[in-house]
Amino acid sequence: MNLFAFLTKEMRKSPVPLLVMATLGGLINAILLSAFSNISSAGKDGPDLHAILLILTTMALYYYTKKYTLLTSMTTMEEMINSIRKRVITKLRRADLVAFEQVERANIYSLLTQEVSTLSQSVNALVNAFQSSVIVFFCMIYVGLNSLPALLIMLVAFALGAVTYMTIRKDTDALLHRLMREDAAFFRTLGHILNGFKEIKLHARKNKAVFRTYSSVVRQLKLLNLQAGKLFSGHMVYTQTYFYLLIGVIVFILPGYADLQKETAMSVTIATLFMVAPLLMCLSAFPELSRANMAISNLYRMETELEGMMREKNANQVQIDYSTFEKIEFQNLLFRFPQTPYEEKPFQIGEIDLSLYRGETLFIVGGNGSGKTTLLKVLTGLYKRSAGKILVDGRLIGTNRISSYRQLFSGVFADYHLFDRLYGIDAIDDEQVNALIDQMELSEKTSCIDGRFSAVKLSQGQRKRLGLIVTLLEDKPIFIFDEWAADQDPHFKDYFYKTLLPQLKAQGKTLIIISHDDRYFDCADRVVKMDFGKIVQ
């Protein structure tokens, strides 16, 4: 899809007023051309008052129309970008977790920053190019009215220029594709440095190797940008030279063959010179439009991928309150990861038969890679089961009820993300939150002010303690903790198992804990052991 089709699809308001004003701006420029030409032909008498008033009036109108078109196009584009960003994230929010975990984060960052920025810049370029093309159109009419041979020469020259442009466009588009791929590689490599900072600090050779890769990507990006710059600069210089040759033909050669009068030759020359800036504006827009077309392709490709990941649409979701449940049953539950080219048989868990009772404390144990966290994601509805049933008090949880079912759960996963504020919690009491922060011995590290944490750059154990506070405040019926105690010191580990869990159980909370701490297994009502994706005990 090109930029024109994109604008037609995405614009909410009619483009007619913008096009009318842009066309009017071009027409005003043509009127200015006529006025200047008349002044140049006025001879020694000089311009009269009417000509001066005409020029001043048209210049004022040009200022207004130009300002209107630029501001309107900018506002329209920002509205479209805002809509696109929200639409992409909305689709991302509804994506299946398994599919989402395979998404390249660098591509999303690039899409919502660089690509939409490219679109924003391209619209201004497009508006300027459109207005400039209107100026060129009226200038050519003016030339044709003064000298038909001059107009024919221009048309032939423009046709040859168009053929030349179409010839080189393929190379330009291919280069822009390479640039966008290299941009994504840059974000990926930068992510390795930022996210793997500890690892590269501990390993000098790894540090150097990662930096070499980063340097290679940056160097390749520089070379591609230079290549693109040289290509576009060469095109621009070629076009300018080509056009100046055209002017030379019209000014110096045409009068001798077409028997033009001096005044006519002067008018044609002025019109031709008047077209130089608009033509260059049109030509300079082509690289921006090419980049915009690439960005649009990437945008819609990403949206198509996200739509393929969506399994929950609000229109199909049934809102049911399951908070008063007494029993959740998992019957013949099976989950299988998607097949990849790198493994003969994807990992799976199941079949799982398990019941969970209100107020129960359930421990899930087993070795690393046994499927504990995967089971937890299936039990909570984060992973879509491949087969089997989930029943709440005998009611089947279908795809259209999975969103309501998930609202039963809150907790801290092993890769828990700590938000900077308490999203989704109404009537936040800062004093209550700060009391919990003090209870978790974090008052010297952070505090809650107007529902926002003053600091979230904490150690892993401290972040999980803060995550525990968030879980308590969310106050869901079922709490899940994925190896929460693994990052805690002996004091907090003992507090978690011996004090906190009994308190939560006394409040009627259902608790699911993944744990390796066998010395605390007696704190559970039941212990389920996983091995190779199956419950073995």
Protein backbone atom coordinates (compact mmCIF):
# COMPACT_ATOMS: atom_id res chain seq x y z
CA MET A 1 0.00 0.00 0.00
CA ASN A 2 1.34 3.46 -0.90
CA LEU A 3 1.00 6.69 1.05
CA PHE A 4 -2.02 7.90 -0.93
CA ALA A 5 -4.01 4.73 -0.23
CA PHE A 6 -2.88 4.88 3.40
CA LEU A 7 -4.16 8.43 3.82
CA THR A 8 -7.44 7.56 2.13
CA LYS A 9 -7.91 4.65 4.54
CA GLU A 10 -6.73 6.30 7.75
CA MET A 11 -8.01 9.88 7.46
CA ARG A 12 -11.15 10.44 9.52
CA LYS A 13 -11.88 13.90 8.13
CA SER A 14 -12.51 14.76 4.51
CA PRO A 15 -9.31 15.79 2.71
CA VAL A 16 -11.26 18.12 0.40
CA PRO A 17 -10.66 21.37 2.40
CA LEU A 18 -6.94 20.60 2.58
CA LEU A 19 -6.74 19.85 -1.14
CA VAL A 20 -8.73 22.97 -2.01
CA MET A 21 -6.44 25.19 0.06
CA ALA A 22 -3.32 23.54 -1.37
CA THR A 23 -4.65 24.03 -4.90
CA LEU A 24 -5.56 27.62 -4.11
CA GLY A 25 -2.01 28.18 -2.84
CA GLY A 26 -0.63 26.88 -6.13
CA LEU A 27 -3.01 29.07 -8.12
CA ILE A 28 -1.95 32.11 -6.10
CA ASN A 29 1.66 31.38 -7.01
CA ALA A 30 0.66 31.32 -10.67
CA ILE A 31 -1.05 34.70 -10.23
CA LEU A 32 2.16 36.01 -8.66
CA LEU A 33 4.06 34.74 -11.71
CA SER A 34 1.71 36.62 -14.01
CA ALA A 35 2.02 39.77 -11.92
CA PHE A 36 5.82 39.64 -11.88
CA SER A 37 5.87 38.99 -15.61
CA ASN A 38 3.66 42.01 -16.26
CA ILE A 39 5.90 44.16 -14.08
CA SER A 40 8.98 43.01 -16.00
CA SER A 41 7.24 43.99 -19.23
CA ALA A 42 6.16 47.38 -17.92
CA GLY A 43 9.36 48.98 -19.14
CA LYS A 44 10.59 52.31 -17.88
CA ASP A 45 7.18 53.40 -16.63
CA GLY A 46 7.47 50.84 -13.83
CA PRO A 47 4.63 48.94 -12.14
CA ASP A 48 1.34 50.68 -11.45
CA LEU A 49 -0.47 50.74 -8.12
CA HIS A 50 -2.90 48.00 -9.15
CA ALA A 51 -0.04 45.59 -9.86
CA ILE A 52 1.56 46.33 -6.49
CA LEU A 53 -1.77 45.82 -4.68
CA LEU A 54 -2.31 42.56 -6.58
CA ILE A 55 1.11 41.28 -5.53
CA LEU A 56 0.59 42.24 -1.87
CA THR A 57 -2.87 40.67 -1.81
CA THR A 58 -1.74 37.43 -3.41
CA MET A 59 1.26 37.22 -1.07
CA ALA A 60 -1.06 37.60 1.94
CA LEU A 61 -3.35 34.91 0.54
CA TYR A 62 -0.36 32.66 -0.11
CA TYR A 63 0.80 33.08 3.50
CA TYR A 64 -2.64 32.10 4.79
CA THR A 65 -3.11 29.11 2.48
CA LYS A 66 0.42 27.81 3.10
CA LYS A 67 0.03 28.10 6.87
CA TYR A 68 -3.39 26.44 6.75
CA THR A 69 -2.19 23.49 4.67
CA LEU A 70 0.89 22.88 6.82
CA LEU A 71 -0.98 23.11 10.16
CA THR A 72 -3.92 21.06 8.92
CA SER A 73 -1.70 18.35 7.45
CA MET A 74 0.35 18.23 10.66
CA THR A 75 -2.76 17.97 12.84
CA THR A 76 -4.29 15.32 10.59
CA MET A 77 -1.12 13.25 10.59
CA GLU A 78 -0.69 13.43 14.37
CA GLU A 79 -4.30 12.27 14.80
CA MET A 80 -3.61 9.33 12.47
CA ILE A 81 -0.38 8.45 14.29
CA ASN A 82 -2.19 8.57 17.63
CA SER A 83 -4.89 6.28 16.25
CA ILE A 84 -2.32 3.87 14.77
CA ARG A 85 -0.32 3.64 18.00
CA LYS A 86 -3.44 2.93 20.04
CA ARG A 87 -4.68 0.41 17.48
CA VAL A 88 -1.39 -1.51 17.42
CA ILE A 89 -1.20 -1.67 21.22
CA THR A 90 -4.88 -2.67 21.43
CA LYS A 91 -4.18 -5.62 19.14
CA LEU A 92 -1.03 -6.40 21.11
CA ARG A 93 -3.02 -6.46 24.37
CA ARG A 94 -5.38 -9.06 22.89
CA ALA A 95 -2.61 -11.25 21.53
CA ASP A 96 -2.08 -14.80 22.69
CA LEU A 97 0.77 -14.90 25.22
CA VAL A 98 2.61 -17.74 23.48
CA ALA A 99 2.60 -15.81 20.20
CA PHE A 100 3.48 -12.56 21.95
CA GLU A 101 6.55 -14.14 23.53
CA GLN A 102 7.87 -14.80 20.01
CA VAL A 103 7.48 -11.18 18.87
CA GLU A 104 10.69 -9.28 18.26
CA ARG A 105 10.47 -6.34 20.70
CA ALA A 106 12.91 -4.28 18.61
CA ASN A 107 10.45 -4.39 15.70
CA ILE A 108 7.66 -3.01 17.88
CA TYR A 109 9.85 -0.21 19.23
CA SER A 110 11.00 0.65 15.71
CA LEU A 111 7.45 0.55 14.37
CA LEU A 112 5.95 2.85 17.00
CA THR A 113 8.85 5.33 16.95
CA GLN A 114 10.86 5.51 13.74
CA GLU A 115 8.22 4.26 11.32
CA VAL A 116 5.46 6.58 12.53
CA SER A 117 7.96 9.46 12.62
CA THR A 118 8.72 8.71 8.96
CA LEU A 119 5.00 8.86 8.19
CA SER A 120 4.69 12.19 9.98
CA GLN A 121 7.52 13.71 7.96
CA SER A 122 6.24 12.27 4.71
CA VAL A 123 2.84 13.95 4.95
CA ASN A 124 4.42 17.40 5.11
CA ALA A 125 6.58 16.43 2.15
CA LEU A 126 3.49 15.20 0.30
CA VAL A 127 1.52 18.39 0.95
CA ASN A 128 4.44 20.55 -0.16
CA ALA A 129 4.91 18.38 -3.25
CA PHE A 130 1.21 18.59 -4.11
CA GLN A 131 1.17 22.35 -3.76
CA SER A 132 4.38 22.60 -5.78
CA SER A 133 2.92 20.39 -8.52
CA VAL A 134 -0.08 22.74 -8.72
CA ILE A 135 2.32 25.65 -9.17
CA VAL A 136 4.17 23.76 -11.91
CA PHE A 137 0.87 22.91 -13.61
CA PHE A 138 -0.30 26.53 -13.77
CA CYS A 139 3.18 27.69 -14.79
CA MET A 140 3.10 25.24 -17.69
CA ILE A 141 -0.31 26.57 -18.72
CA TYR A 142 1.18 30.05 -18.62
CA VAL A 143 4.13 28.89 -20.75
CA GLY A 144 1.77 27.19 -23.21
CA LEU A 145 -0.28 30.36 -23.60
CA ASN A 146 2.90 32.27 -24.42
CA SER A 147 4.77 29.64 -26.49
CA LEU A 148 3.48 26.26 -27.55
CA PRO A 149 6.97 25.02 -28.65
CA ALA A 150 8.36 25.83 -25.19
CA LEU A 151 5.54 23.83 -23.60
CA LEU A 152 6.19 20.86 -25.89
CA ILE A 153 9.90 20.90 -25.00
CA MET A 154 8.98 20.92 -21.30
CA LEU A 155 6.54 18.03 -21.69
CA VAL A 156 9.12 15.92 -23.53
CA ALA A 157 11.76 16.77 -20.92
CA PHE A 158 9.41 15.87 -18.04
CA ALA A 159 8.46 12.59 -19.73
CA LEU A 160 12.13 11.63 -20.09
CA GLY A 161 12.70 12.61 -16.46
CA ALA A 162 9.79 10.42 -15.34
CA VAL A 163 11.19 7.43 -17.25
CA THR A 164 14.59 8.00 -15.64
CA TYR A 165 13.00 8.16 -12.18
CA MET A 166 11.07 4.91 -12.67
CA THR A 167 14.32 3.24 -13.77
CA ILE A 168 16.24 4.18 -10.64
CA ARG A 169 13.35 3.77 -8.21
CA LYS A 170 13.83 -0.01 -7.84
CA ASP A 171 17.40 0.46 -6.64
CA THR A 172 16.24 3.15 -4.22
CA ASP A 173 13.46 0.99 -2.76
CA ALA A 174 15.81 -1.97 -2.32
CA LEU A 175 18.27 0.23 -0.46
CA LEU A 176 15.53 1.58 1.82
CA HIS A 177 14.46 -1.99 2.63
CA ARG A 178 18.03 -2.80 3.66
CA LEU A 179 18.17 0.35 5.79
CA MET A 180 15.02 -0.59 7.69
CA ARG A 181 16.29 -4.13 8.32
CA GLU A 182 19.57 -2.71 9.60
CA ASP A 183 17.68 -0.31 11.87
CA ALA A 184 15.92 -3.30 13.46
CA ALA A 185 19.29 -5.04 13.86
CA PHE A 186 20.61 -1.93 15.60
CA PHE A 187 17.77 -1.98 18.14
CA ARG A 188 18.33 -5.70 18.78
CA THR A 189 22.05 -5.26 19.36
CA LEU A 190 21.50 -2.23 21.56
CA GLY A 191 19.02 -4.30 23.57
CA HIS A 192 21.71 -6.95 24.15
CA ILE A 193 24.02 -4.30 25.61
CA LEU A 194 21.36 -2.70 27.82
CA ASN A 195 19.67 -5.89 29.02
CA GLY A 196 22.82 -8.00 29.30
CA PHE A 197 24.94 -5.38 31.01
CA LYS A 198 25.84 -7.57 34.00
CA GLU A 199 26.82 -10.49 31.81
CA ILE A 200 29.13 -8.49 29.58
CA LYS A 201 30.74 -6.81 32.59
CA LEU A 202 31.62 -10.25 33.94
CA HIS A 203 33.06 -11.57 30.69
CA ALA A 204 35.69 -9.43 28.96
CA ARG A 205 35.71 -11.44 25.74
CA LYS A 206 31.92 -11.44 25.58
CA ASN A 207 32.01 -7.69 26.21
CA LYS A 208 34.38 -7.17 23.28
CA ALA A 209 32.48 -9.59 21.03
CA VAL A 210 29.13 -7.88 21.69
CA PHE A 211 30.73 -4.49 21.08
CA ARG A 212 32.26 -5.78 17.84
CA THR A 213 28.82 -6.88 16.69
CA TYR A 214 27.36 -3.53 17.71
CA SER A 215 30.17 -1.68 15.91
CA SER A 216 29.62 -3.81 12.81
CA VAL A 217 25.90 -3.02 12.79
CA VAL A 218 26.54 0.69 13.35
CA ARG A 219 29.17 0.71 10.62
CA GLN A 220 26.84 -1.06 8.20
CA LEU A 221 24.09 1.40 9.10
CA LYS A 222 26.47 4.29 8.45
CA LEU A 223 27.50 2.84 5.08
CA LEU A 224 23.90 2.30 4.03
CA ASN A 225 22.94 5.82 5.10
CA LEU A 226 25.91 7.21 3.18
CA GLN A 227 24.96 5.11 0.18
CA ALA A 228 21.40 6.37 0.39
CA GLY A 229 22.64 9.94 0.82
CA LYS A 230 24.92 9.63 -2.21
CA LEU A 231 22.13 8.08 -4.24
CA PHE A 232 19.59 10.77 -3.37
CA SER A 233 22.17 13.55 -3.71
CA GLY A 234 23.20 12.20 -7.12
CA HIS A 235 19.58 12.10 -8.20
CA MET A 236 19.04 15.65 -6.97
CA VAL A 237 22.16 17.05 -8.67
CA TYR A 238 21.34 15.17 -11.88
CA THR A 239 17.81 16.55 -11.82
CA GLN A 240 18.96 20.10 -11.15
CA THR A 241 21.52 19.92 -13.96
CA TYR A 242 18.93 18.37 -16.27
CA PHE A 243 16.48 21.14 -15.49
CA TYR A 244 19.01 23.93 -15.89
CA LEU A 245 19.90 22.48 -19.31
CA LEU A 246 16.20 22.66 -20.12
CA ILE A 247 16.19 26.32 -19.09
CA GLY A 248 19.23 26.93 -21.30
CA VAL A 249 17.47 25.34 -24.27
CA ILE A 250 14.36 27.46 -23.73
CA VAL A 251 16.25 30.71 -23.12
CA PHE A 252 19.09 30.49 -25.64
CA ILE A 253 18.11 28.02 -28.36
CA LEU A 254 14.32 28.12 -28.62
CA PRO A 255 14.02 31.85 -29.55
CA GLY A 256 16.24 31.31 -32.58
CA TYR A 257 14.09 28.47 -33.92
CA ALA A 258 10.62 29.48 -32.80
CA ASP A 259 10.95 33.17 -33.67
CA LEU A 260 9.84 34.31 -30.21
CA GLN A 261 9.43 37.97 -29.48
CA LYS A 262 11.61 39.44 -26.78
CA GLU A 263 8.69 39.95 -24.37
CA THR A 264 7.43 36.41 -24.91
CA ALA A 265 10.90 34.95 -24.40
CA MET A 266 11.20 36.95 -21.18
CA SER A 267 7.83 35.69 -19.92
CA VAL A 268 8.72 32.07 -20.73
CA THR A 269 12.10 32.46 -19.03
CA ILE A 270 10.52 33.92 -15.88
CA ALA A 271 7.94 31.11 -15.80
CA THR A 272 10.65 28.50 -16.25
CA LEU A 273 12.77 29.98 -13.46
CA PHE A 274 9.65 30.24 -11.31
CA MET A 275 9.18 26.48 -11.67
CA VAL A 276 12.67 25.59 -10.41
CA ALA A 277 11.93 25.73 -6.68
CA PRO A 278 8.55 23.90 -6.90
CA LEU A 279 10.07 21.20 -9.11
CA LEU A 280 12.94 20.67 -6.68
CA MET A 281 10.38 20.50 -3.86
CA CYS A 282 8.52 17.76 -5.75
CA LEU A 283 11.72 15.85 -6.42
CA SER A 284 12.94 16.12 -2.82
CA ALA A 285 9.67 14.53 -1.68
CA PHE A 286 10.31 11.27 -3.54
CA PRO A 287 12.79 9.83 -1.00
CA GLU A 288 10.39 10.71 1.83
CA LEU A 289 7.51 9.08 -0.02
CA SER A 290 9.59 5.95 -0.67
CA ARG A 291 10.44 5.72 3.04
CA ALA A 292 6.79 6.27 3.89
CA ASN A 293 5.70 3.43 1.60
CA MET A 294 8.19 1.12 3.32
CA ALA A 295 6.96 2.22 6.74
CA ILE A 296 3.35 1.61 5.73
CA SER A 297 4.22 -1.90 4.50
CA ASN A 298 5.95 -2.66 7.80
CA LEU A 299 3.06 -1.22 9.78
CA TYR A 300 0.36 -3.25 8.08
CA ARG A 301 2.52 -6.39 8.10
CA MET A 302 2.93 -6.05 11.87
CA GLU A 303 -0.81 -5.43 12.28
CA THR A 304 -1.57 -8.54 10.24
CA GLU A 305 0.76 -10.57 12.45
CA LEU A 306 -0.90 -9.19 15.59
CA GLU A 307 -4.36 -9.96 14.24
CA GLY A 308 -3.21 -13.54 13.74
CA MET A 309 -2.22 -13.65 17.41
CA MET A 310 -5.55 -12.35 18.66
CA ARG A 311 -7.85 -14.88 20.22
CA GLU A 312 -9.92 -12.54 22.37
CA LYS A 313 -12.21 -9.89 20.97
CA ASN A 314 -14.25 -7.75 23.35
CA ALA A 315 -17.39 -8.36 21.33
CA ASN A 316 -17.14 -12.09 21.98
CA GLN A 317 -16.13 -11.96 25.64
CA VAL A 318 -18.80 -12.77 28.23
CA GLN A 319 -18.33 -10.86 31.48
CA ILE A 320 -18.95 -13.19 34.42
CA ASP A 321 -17.97 -12.80 38.07
CA TYR A 322 -16.30 -15.99 39.28
CA SER A 323 -14.96 -14.47 42.52
CA THR A 324 -17.29 -16.55 44.73
CA PHE A 325 -16.07 -19.87 43.28
CA GLU A 326 -15.69 -22.93 45.49
CA LYS A 327 -13.93 -25.33 43.14
CA ILE A 328 -11.95 -25.14 39.90
CA GLU A 329 -11.44 -28.36 37.94
CA PHE A 330 -8.85 -29.02 35.25
CA GLN A 331 -9.80 -32.10 33.24
CA ASN A 332 -7.48 -33.80 30.73
CA LEU A 333 -5.66 -30.49 30.37
CA LEU A 334 -3.04 -30.47 27.61
CA PHE A 335 -0.81 -27.69 26.36
CA ARG A 336 1.72 -27.94 23.55
CA PHE A 337 4.11 -25.21 22.41
CA PRO A 338 4.05 -24.40 18.68
CA GLN A 339 6.39 -26.42 16.47
CA THR A 340 9.67 -24.71 15.60
CA PRO A 341 12.28 -25.65 12.96
CA TYR A 342 14.81 -26.31 15.72
CA GLU A 343 13.11 -29.17 17.54
CA GLU A 344 11.62 -32.46 16.47
CA LYS A 345 8.91 -32.44 19.11
CA PRO A 346 7.76 -29.29 20.95
CA PHE A 347 7.53 -29.34 24.74
CA GLN A 348 4.13 -30.09 26.18
CA ILE A 349 2.44 -30.58 29.52
CA GLY A 350 -0.40 -32.95 30.27
CA GLU A 351 -2.69 -34.53 30.35
CA ILE A 352 -3.40 -32.80 33.68
CA ASP A 353 -6.25 -33.70 36.02
CA LEU A 354 -6.35 -31.38 39.01
CA SER A 355 -8.84 -29.70 41.31
CA LEU A 356 -8.33 -26.44 43.18
CA TYR A 357 -10.49 -25.58 46.18
CA ARG A 358 -11.28 -22.20 47.67
CA GLY A 359 -8.97 -21.28 50.54
CA GLU A 360 -6.48 -24.03 49.65
CA THR A 361 -2.71 -23.62 49.64
CA LEU A 362 -1.25 -25.62 46.75
CA PHE A 363 2.47 -26.06 46.15
CA ILE A 364 3.74 -27.02 42.68
CA VAL A 365 7.21 -28.53 42.86
CA GLY A 366 9.64 -30.26 40.54
CA GLY A 367 13.01 -29.86 38.88
CA ASN A 368 14.02 -27.13 36.48
CA GLY A 369 12.33 -27.57 33.11
CA SER A 370 9.68 -29.90 34.51
CA GLY A 371 6.87 -27.58 33.33
CA LYS A 372 5.88 -25.83 36.57
CA THR A 373 5.68 -22.28 35.20
CA THR A 374 4.07 -23.50 31.98
CA LEU A 375 1.43 -25.30 34.04
CA LEU A 376 0.84 -22.13 36.05
CA LYS A 377 0.30 -20.12 32.86
CA VAL A 378 -2.18 -22.71 31.58
CA LEU A 379 -4.03 -22.86 34.91
CA THR A 380 -4.39 -19.08 34.95
CA GLY A 381 -5.57 -18.94 31.32
CA LEU A 382 -2.51 -17.05 30.08
CA TYR A 383 -1.66 -19.95 27.78
CA LYS A 384 -4.53 -21.29 25.70
CA ARG A 385 -4.96 -24.98 26.41
CA SER A 386 -4.50 -27.30 23.45
CA ALA A 387 -7.07 -29.74 24.81
CA GLY A 388 -9.05 -30.45 27.94
CA LYS A 389 -11.48 -28.47 30.07
CA ILE A 390 -11.46 -25.86 32.80
CA LEU A 391 -14.60 -25.77 34.93
CA VAL A 392 -15.50 -23.30 37.67
CA ASP A 393 -18.14 -24.81 39.95
CA GLY A 394 -19.11 -27.06 37.06
CA ARG A 395 -19.35 -24.25 34.48
CA LEU A 396 -17.13 -24.69 31.44
CA ILE A 397 -14.66 -21.89 30.72
CA GLY A 398 -14.77 -21.39 26.97
CA THR A 399 -12.74 -18.97 24.89
CA ASN A 400 -15.43 -16.31 25.33
CA ARG A 401 -15.14 -16.54 29.14
CA ILE A 402 -11.39 -16.79 29.52
CA SER A 403 -10.93 -13.07 30.18
CA SER A 404 -13.39 -13.16 33.09
CA TYR A 405 -11.74 -16.33 34.40
CA ARG A 406 -8.30 -14.70 34.43
CA GLN A 407 -9.59 -11.96 36.72
CA LEU A 408 -9.50 -14.50 39.55
CA PHE A 409 -5.70 -14.40 39.62
CA SER A 410 -3.02 -12.03 40.74
CA GLY A 411 0.56 -12.66 41.71
CA VAL A 412 4.25 -12.50 41.02
CA PHE A 413 5.81 -14.55 38.22
CA ALA A 414 9.52 -15.29 38.06
CA ASP A 415 9.94 -12.61 35.35
CA TYR A 416 7.57 -10.20 37.07
CA HIS A 417 7.38 -6.68 35.62
CA LEU A 418 7.11 -3.94 38.24
CA PHE A 419 5.02 -0.97 37.09
CA ASP A 420 5.89 2.49 38.33
CA ARG A 421 2.38 3.12 39.64
CA LEU A 422 -0.62 1.23 40.96
CA TYR A 423 -2.61 0.82 37.77
CA GLY A 424 -6.16 -0.50 38.00
CA ILE A 425 -6.52 0.00 41.76
CA ASP A 426 -9.24 2.43 42.81
CA ALA A 427 -9.12 4.69 45.85
CA ILE A 428 -5.43 4.21 46.58
CA ASP A 429 -4.50 5.02 50.18
CA ASP A 430 -0.86 6.12 50.19
CA GLU A 431 -0.63 5.59 53.95
CA GLN A 432 -1.78 1.97 53.61
CA VAL A 433 0.68 1.36 50.77
CA ASN A 434 3.56 2.95 52.68
CA ALA A 435 2.69 0.86 55.73
CA LEU A 436 3.06 -2.27 53.59
CA ILE A 437 6.31 -0.90 52.15
CA ASP A 438 7.59 -0.43 55.70
CA GLN A 439 6.44 -3.94 56.59
CA MET A 440 8.49 -5.28 53.68
CA GLU A 441 11.47 -3.22 54.88
CA LEU A 442 11.55 -1.12 51.72
CA SER A 443 10.83 2.31 53.22
CA GLU A 444 14.46 3.37 52.73
CA LYS A 445 14.29 2.38 49.06
CA THR A 446 10.94 3.67 47.83
CA SER A 447 7.61 5.16 48.85
CA CYS A 448 4.15 5.67 47.39
CA ILE A 449 3.15 9.21 46.47
CA ASP A 450 -0.20 9.76 44.75
CA GLY A 451 -0.33 6.11 43.74
CA ARG A 452 3.14 6.16 42.19
CA PHE A 453 6.30 4.49 43.48
CA SER A 454 9.14 6.94 43.95
CA ALA A 455 11.67 4.32 42.79
CA VAL A 456 11.45 0.96 41.04
CA LYS A 457 15.14 0.45 40.27
CA LEU A 458 15.55 -2.16 42.99
CA SER A 459 17.22 -5.52 43.42
CA GLN A 460 15.36 -8.61 42.21
CA GLY A 461 14.32 -9.58 45.73
CA GLN A 462 13.19 -6.03 46.55
CA ARG A 463 11.24 -5.79 43.30
CA LYS A 464 9.43 -9.02 44.13
CA ARG A 465 8.61 -7.72 47.61
CA LEU A 466 7.13 -4.62 46.01
CA GLY A 467 5.31 -6.89 43.57
CA LEU A 468 3.90 -8.79 46.54
CA ILE A 469 2.55 -5.51 47.91
CA VAL A 470 0.85 -4.81 44.57
CA THR A 471 -0.67 -8.31 44.66
CA LEU A 472 -2.04 -7.74 48.16
CA LEU A 473 -3.56 -4.42 47.09
CA GLU A 474 -5.17 -5.97 44.00
CA ASP A 475 -6.91 -8.37 46.40
CA LYS A 476 -7.90 -11.08 43.91
CA PRO A 477 -9.37 -14.42 45.12
CA ILE A 478 -6.34 -16.46 43.96
CA PHE A 479 -2.71 -15.49 44.55
CA ILE A 480 0.09 -17.08 42.57
CA PHE A 481 3.78 -16.92 43.45
CA ASP A 482 6.35 -18.33 41.04
CA GLU A 483 9.45 -19.03 43.15
CA TRP A 484 8.91 -15.74 45.00
CA ALA A 485 11.05 -16.80 47.94
CA ALA A 486 14.01 -17.82 45.76
CA ASP A 487 15.26 -14.21 45.65
CA GLN A 488 14.71 -13.48 49.36
CA ASP A 489 17.06 -13.69 52.31
CA PRO A 490 16.37 -16.30 55.04
CA HIS A 491 14.44 -13.76 57.12
CA PHE A 492 11.93 -12.91 54.39
CA LYS A 493 11.79 -16.48 53.16
CA ASP A 494 10.72 -17.61 56.62
CA TYR A 495 8.29 -14.69 56.88
CA PHE A 496 6.72 -15.60 53.55
CA TYR A 497 6.09 -19.25 54.37
CA LYS A 498 5.45 -19.11 58.10
CA THR A 499 3.62 -15.80 58.52
CA LEU A 500 2.28 -14.38 55.26
CA LEU A 501 0.84 -17.54 53.70
CA PRO A 502 -1.12 -18.49 56.84
CA GLN A 503 -2.45 -14.92 57.07
CA LEU A 504 -3.63 -15.00 53.47
CA LYS A 505 -5.18 -18.43 53.95
CA ALA A 506 -7.04 -17.12 56.99
CA GLN A 507 -8.46 -14.37 54.77
CA GLY A 508 -9.89 -17.05 52.47
CA LYS A 509 -7.33 -16.62 49.70
CA THR A 510 -6.49 -19.52 47.43
CA LEU A 511 -2.72 -19.80 47.05
CA ILE A 512 -0.69 -21.45 44.29
CA ILE A 513 3.05 -21.44 44.97
CA ILE A 514 5.86 -22.77 42.82
CA SER A 515 8.65 -23.67 45.21
CA HIS A 516 11.95 -25.49 45.58
CA ASP A 517 12.05 -24.97 49.36
CA ASP A 518 11.33 -28.49 50.56
CA ARG A 519 11.81 -27.52 54.19
CA TYR A 520 8.60 -25.47 53.90
CA PHE A 521 6.47 -28.03 52.07
CA ASP A 522 4.59 -28.65 55.31
CA CYS A 523 3.04 -25.17 54.87
CA ALA A 524 0.96 -26.48 51.97
CA ASP A 525 -2.39 -28.25 52.08
CA ARG A 526 -1.29 -30.20 49.01
CA VAL A 527 1.95 -30.64 47.10
CA VAL A 528 1.85 -31.45 43.38
CA LYS A 529 5.08 -32.63 41.77
CA MET A 530 5.82 -32.07 38.07
CA ASP A 531 8.25 -34.04 35.92
CA PHE A 532 8.59 -33.92 32.12
CA GLY A 533 5.34 -31.97 31.84
CA LYS A 534 3.23 -34.39 33.86
CA ILE A 535 1.98 -34.57 37.42
CA VAL A 536 3.77 -37.54 38.93
CA GLN A 537 2.79 -37.11 42.57
